[in-house]
Protein backbone atom coordinates (compact mmCIF):
# COMPACT_ATOMS: atom_id res chain seq x y z
CA UNK A 1 98.48 45.45 155.56
CA UNK A 2 101.96 46.38 156.62
CA UNK A 3 103.26 45.78 153.10
CA UNK A 4 101.28 48.81 151.95
CA UNK A 5 100.83 51.28 154.76
CA UNK A 6 103.24 53.72 156.43
CA UNK A 7 106.86 52.35 156.91
CA UNK A 8 106.14 49.66 154.19
CA UNK A 9 109.01 47.82 152.53
CA UNK A 10 109.70 48.19 148.83
CA UNK A 11 107.16 46.45 146.55
CA UNK A 12 109.95 43.98 145.59
CA UNK A 13 110.40 42.93 149.20
CA UNK A 14 106.66 42.85 149.67
CA UNK A 15 106.37 40.49 146.71
CA UNK A 16 109.09 38.32 148.22
CA UNK A 17 107.09 38.03 151.41
CA UNK A 18 103.98 36.98 149.67
CA UNK A 19 105.88 34.36 147.62
CA UNK A 20 107.51 33.01 150.68
CA UNK A 21 104.30 32.35 152.48
CA UNK A 22 102.71 30.84 149.39
CA UNK A 23 105.76 28.55 149.07
CA UNK A 24 105.25 27.57 152.68
CA UNK A 25 101.69 26.43 152.02
CA UNK A 26 99.60 29.34 153.20
CA UNK A 27 96.15 29.19 151.56
CA UNK A 28 94.48 32.39 152.64
CA UNK A 29 95.66 36.00 152.15
CA UNK A 30 93.80 38.82 153.81
CA UNK A 31 93.79 42.33 152.38
CA UNK A 32 91.61 45.42 151.92
CA UNK A 33 91.22 48.21 149.46
CA UNK A 34 92.34 50.69 152.02
CA UNK A 35 95.64 49.02 152.78
CA UNK A 36 97.59 51.96 151.26
CA UNK A 37 98.90 55.31 152.26
CA UNK A 38 95.82 57.39 151.35
CA UNK A 39 92.86 57.56 148.95
CA UNK A 40 95.15 58.34 146.01
CA UNK A 41 96.44 54.74 145.96
CA UNK A 42 93.38 52.73 146.94
CA UNK A 43 94.02 49.08 146.13
CA UNK A 44 97.80 49.23 146.54
CA UNK A 45 97.86 45.98 148.58
CA UNK A 46 95.38 44.18 146.34
CA UNK A 47 97.51 44.97 143.30
CA UNK A 48 100.66 43.72 145.13
CA UNK A 49 98.98 40.42 145.88
CA UNK A 50 97.64 40.11 142.32
CA UNK A 51 101.12 40.54 140.84
CA UNK A 52 102.53 37.86 143.20
CA UNK A 53 99.67 35.43 142.31
CA UNK A 54 100.01 36.06 138.51
CA UNK A 55 103.69 34.96 138.69
CA UNK A 56 102.67 31.51 139.95
CA UNK A 57 100.80 28.56 138.59
CA UNK A 58 97.09 28.83 139.38
CA UNK A 59 96.40 27.22 142.77
CA UNK A 60 92.65 27.04 143.61
CA UNK A 61 93.38 26.39 147.24
CA UNK A 62 94.69 30.00 147.69
CA UNK A 63 91.79 32.29 148.90
CA UNK A 64 92.08 36.06 148.65
CA UNK A 65 89.90 37.87 151.23
CA UNK A 66 89.44 41.58 150.85
CA UNK A 67 87.25 44.09 152.42
CA UNK A 68 85.25 47.29 151.65
CA UNK A 69 83.64 49.97 153.86
CA UNK A 70 86.49 52.30 154.71
CA UNK A 71 88.06 55.31 153.04
CA UNK A 72 91.59 56.88 153.48
CA UNK A 73 91.16 60.67 153.01
CA UNK A 74 94.60 62.30 153.60
CA UNK A 75 95.66 59.01 155.26
CA UNK A 76 92.86 58.87 157.78
CA UNK A 77 90.80 55.78 158.40
CA UNK A 78 87.09 56.73 157.96
CA UNK A 79 84.16 54.31 157.91
CA UNK A 80 81.79 54.46 154.87
CA UNK A 81 79.15 51.68 154.88
CA UNK A 82 76.76 53.26 152.37
CA UNK A 83 75.68 50.68 149.75
CA UNK A 84 76.85 52.82 146.89
CA UNK A 85 80.37 53.00 148.27
CA UNK A 86 80.47 49.33 148.88
CA UNK A 87 79.41 48.48 145.41
CA UNK A 88 82.04 50.98 143.97
CA UNK A 89 84.68 49.52 146.26
CA UNK A 90 83.95 45.97 145.23
CA UNK A 91 84.21 46.91 141.60
CA UNK A 92 87.60 48.56 142.25
CA UNK A 93 88.76 45.50 144.18
CA UNK A 94 87.72 43.20 141.33
CA UNK A 95 89.84 45.25 138.97
CA UNK A 96 92.83 45.57 141.43
CA UNK A 97 92.83 41.83 142.00
CA UNK A 98 92.32 41.00 138.40
CA UNK A 99 89.44 38.59 139.02
CA UNK A 100 85.80 38.20 138.01
CA UNK A 101 84.73 37.04 141.45
CA UNK A 102 86.21 37.87 144.89
CA UNK A 103 86.61 34.80 147.09
CA UNK A 104 85.72 36.45 150.36
CA UNK A 105 84.37 39.91 150.61
CA UNK A 106 84.14 41.44 154.00
CA UNK A 107 82.38 44.50 155.46
CA UNK A 108 85.38 46.27 157.04
CA UNK A 109 83.37 47.74 159.95
CA UNK A 110 79.78 48.75 160.69
CA UNK A 111 79.07 52.41 159.89
CA UNK A 112 77.07 54.03 162.71
CA UNK A 113 75.50 56.36 160.23
CA UNK A 114 74.15 53.56 157.98
CA UNK A 115 71.80 50.80 159.06
CA UNK A 116 73.77 47.55 159.14
CA UNK A 117 71.03 45.87 157.11
CA UNK A 118 71.66 48.31 154.29
CA UNK A 119 75.43 47.68 154.28
CA UNK A 120 75.01 43.86 154.52
CA UNK A 121 72.27 43.99 151.89
CA UNK A 122 74.74 45.57 149.44
CA UNK A 123 77.12 42.59 150.01
CA UNK A 124 74.21 40.18 149.63
CA UNK A 125 73.44 41.79 146.23
CA UNK A 126 77.05 41.45 145.15
CA UNK A 127 76.92 37.80 146.11
CA UNK A 128 73.76 37.14 144.12
CA UNK A 129 75.33 38.92 141.06
CA UNK A 130 78.27 36.48 141.29
CA UNK A 131 80.90 39.13 142.08
CA UNK A 132 81.45 37.69 145.56
CA UNK A 133 81.73 33.99 146.46
CA UNK A 134 81.47 34.36 150.28
CA UNK A 135 80.43 37.20 152.57
CA UNK A 136 82.27 38.11 155.76
CA UNK A 137 82.02 40.74 158.50
CA UNK A 138 84.72 42.52 160.56
CA UNK A 139 84.69 44.43 163.86
CA UNK A 140 81.26 43.10 164.80
CA UNK A 141 79.36 41.97 167.86
CA UNK A 142 77.24 38.85 168.25
CA UNK A 143 74.04 40.85 167.74
CA UNK A 144 75.33 42.38 164.60
CA UNK A 145 76.35 38.83 163.27
CA UNK A 146 72.78 37.60 163.97
CA UNK A 147 71.34 40.61 162.19
CA UNK A 148 73.52 40.00 159.14
CA UNK A 149 72.70 36.27 159.10
CA UNK A 150 69.06 37.13 158.51
CA UNK A 151 70.18 38.72 155.22
CA UNK A 152 73.01 36.62 153.85
CA UNK A 153 75.02 33.55 154.86
CA UNK A 154 77.97 34.82 156.89
CA UNK A 155 81.10 32.78 156.18
CA UNK A 156 83.62 34.53 158.33
CA UNK A 157 84.00 37.14 161.13
CA UNK A 158 87.26 39.02 161.44
CA UNK A 159 87.84 40.69 164.86
CA UNK A 160 90.87 41.46 166.91
CA UNK A 161 92.12 38.62 169.25
CA UNK A 162 95.36 38.43 171.17
CA UNK A 163 96.46 38.09 174.82
CA UNK A 164 96.37 41.90 175.25
CA UNK A 165 92.81 42.22 173.78
CA UNK A 166 90.43 39.31 174.59
CA UNK A 167 87.06 40.89 173.93
CA UNK A 168 86.32 38.45 171.13
CA UNK A 169 86.38 35.79 173.87
CA UNK A 170 84.78 37.63 176.72
CA UNK A 171 81.90 38.97 174.56
CA UNK A 172 81.16 35.62 172.98
CA UNK A 173 82.03 36.24 169.42
CA UNK A 174 84.46 33.37 169.07
CA UNK A 175 82.01 30.99 170.87
CA UNK A 176 79.20 32.07 168.60
CA UNK A 177 81.25 31.54 165.42
CA UNK A 178 82.17 28.05 166.76
CA UNK A 179 78.49 27.24 167.32
CA UNK A 180 77.47 28.55 163.89
CA UNK A 181 80.34 27.10 161.88
CA UNK A 182 81.57 30.52 160.96
CA UNK A 183 85.35 31.04 160.47
CA UNK A 184 86.89 33.46 162.82
CA UNK A 185 89.84 35.44 161.39
CA UNK A 186 91.92 36.78 164.26
CA UNK A 187 93.61 40.02 163.29
CA UNK A 188 96.51 41.63 165.24
CA UNK A 189 97.00 38.13 166.82
CA UNK A 190 100.36 39.09 168.42
CA UNK A 191 99.16 42.50 169.69
CA UNK A 192 99.69 44.82 166.79
CA UNK A 193 101.87 47.93 166.66
CA UNK A 194 104.07 48.53 169.75
CA UNK A 195 102.46 45.71 171.81
CA UNK A 196 104.04 42.86 169.89
CA UNK A 197 107.44 44.29 170.72
CA UNK A 198 106.75 43.57 174.36
CA UNK A 199 106.54 39.81 173.76
CA UNK A 200 110.25 38.78 173.74
CA UNK A 201 110.83 40.13 177.28
CA UNK A 202 107.50 38.77 178.70
CA UNK A 203 108.23 36.84 181.92
CA UNK A 204 105.97 33.94 181.05
CA UNK A 205 106.58 33.70 177.36
CA UNK A 206 110.41 34.12 177.37
CA UNK A 207 111.27 31.00 179.38
CA UNK A 208 108.55 28.99 177.65
CA UNK A 209 109.83 29.97 174.19
CA UNK A 210 113.36 28.97 175.22
CA UNK A 211 112.18 25.62 176.58
CA UNK A 212 110.20 24.91 173.34
CA UNK A 213 112.70 26.30 170.89
CA UNK A 214 110.30 28.74 169.36
CA UNK A 215 109.80 32.54 169.37
CA UNK A 216 107.42 34.20 171.81
CA UNK A 217 105.41 35.44 168.81
CA UNK A 218 104.84 31.84 167.64
CA UNK A 219 103.82 30.97 171.22
CA UNK A 220 101.15 33.68 171.12
CA UNK A 221 99.87 32.62 167.70
CA UNK A 222 99.56 29.03 168.92
CA UNK A 223 97.63 30.33 172.01
CA UNK A 224 95.20 32.27 169.75
CA UNK A 225 94.70 29.21 167.45
CA UNK A 226 93.92 27.02 170.42
CA UNK A 227 90.98 29.21 171.45
CA UNK A 228 88.69 27.42 168.97
CA UNK A 229 88.97 25.14 165.95
CA UNK A 230 87.18 27.87 164.01
CA UNK A 231 90.04 30.40 164.56
CA UNK A 232 92.36 31.34 161.72
CA UNK A 233 95.21 33.68 162.55
CA UNK A 234 96.19 36.37 160.01
CA UNK A 235 99.49 37.77 161.31
CA UNK A 236 101.04 40.58 159.37
CA UNK A 237 104.77 40.80 158.33
CA UNK A 238 107.13 43.07 156.54
CA UNK A 239 109.88 40.60 156.11
CA UNK A 240 110.27 36.94 154.91
CA UNK A 241 111.84 36.06 158.24
CA UNK A 242 108.92 37.23 160.31
CA UNK A 243 106.35 35.77 157.92
CA UNK A 244 107.94 32.26 158.06
CA UNK A 245 108.37 32.49 161.89
CA UNK A 246 104.55 32.98 162.14
CA UNK A 247 103.90 29.90 160.06
CA UNK A 248 105.73 27.70 162.71
CA UNK A 249 102.70 28.26 164.96
CA UNK A 250 100.62 26.01 162.74
CA UNK A 251 102.67 23.01 163.85
CA UNK A 252 103.16 24.04 167.51
CA UNK A 253 100.75 22.17 169.87
CA UNK A 254 101.00 23.63 173.39
CA UNK A 255 100.29 21.59 176.51
CA UNK A 256 97.29 22.42 178.60
CA UNK A 257 99.68 23.67 181.30
CA UNK A 258 101.38 26.07 178.86
CA UNK A 259 98.16 27.21 177.48
CA UNK A 260 96.77 27.90 180.93
CA UNK A 261 99.92 29.82 181.92
CA UNK A 262 99.55 32.13 178.93
CA UNK A 263 95.88 32.54 179.60
CA UNK A 264 96.52 33.53 183.33
CA UNK A 265 99.57 35.79 182.53
CA UNK A 266 99.27 39.55 182.58
CA UNK A 267 99.76 41.37 179.32
CA UNK A 268 100.07 45.05 180.01
CA UNK A 269 99.07 47.56 177.33
CA UNK A 270 100.99 50.34 179.08
């Protein structure tokens, strides 16, 4: 996302970030049609990813996940879960990504003005037509996942999860995904925005990171991954350095004592 929204790097640097994580073995890239500045450049991030992938030998292990269901009028983020919009958004994403079928297509968020069954039904139709391989949901509750499952197989759920915001744990979404064999994509896994900048000075993370020889950000990613074997973290990065640092969390196994210390720690949102 941060390669295409406000304060984004140049497209050349964005391409280098994508190439670096692919070289490091990353096999899923998450994007959305609305990762852009406003409605005039819908698909900016998808096109950036498509260019990076075209420059490489085809690797069937790399999954590109995108989303539909939002708009960006004058740079605002507005929900639009109408079936007609979702169908149009999917067509535009297919073109932007340069593919005939999207690996994972996710409803970006439920629209309170549109019955969830209608929005999910549109994704089910796209799947039946072969334009979508797997269907996912984002920003949803357990009852909403259950409702969607009655319409189409749900492969993934993408909700926020980090030490600052743990509602995906406390409200049972992660547990439900584990029970149902649904992949849980944790977005903003280090806090997002200004909160992730608090991590280096955190009184629990700082000494632990020094002892283990990793960054506090990698510690937090490892903590999120340890919440469930169904969890996949999707950290964002504007630079190659930060992207590669996040990848170190995949090889970091924290002790039960360290995990418990992070769980018990206070993470202020102030």
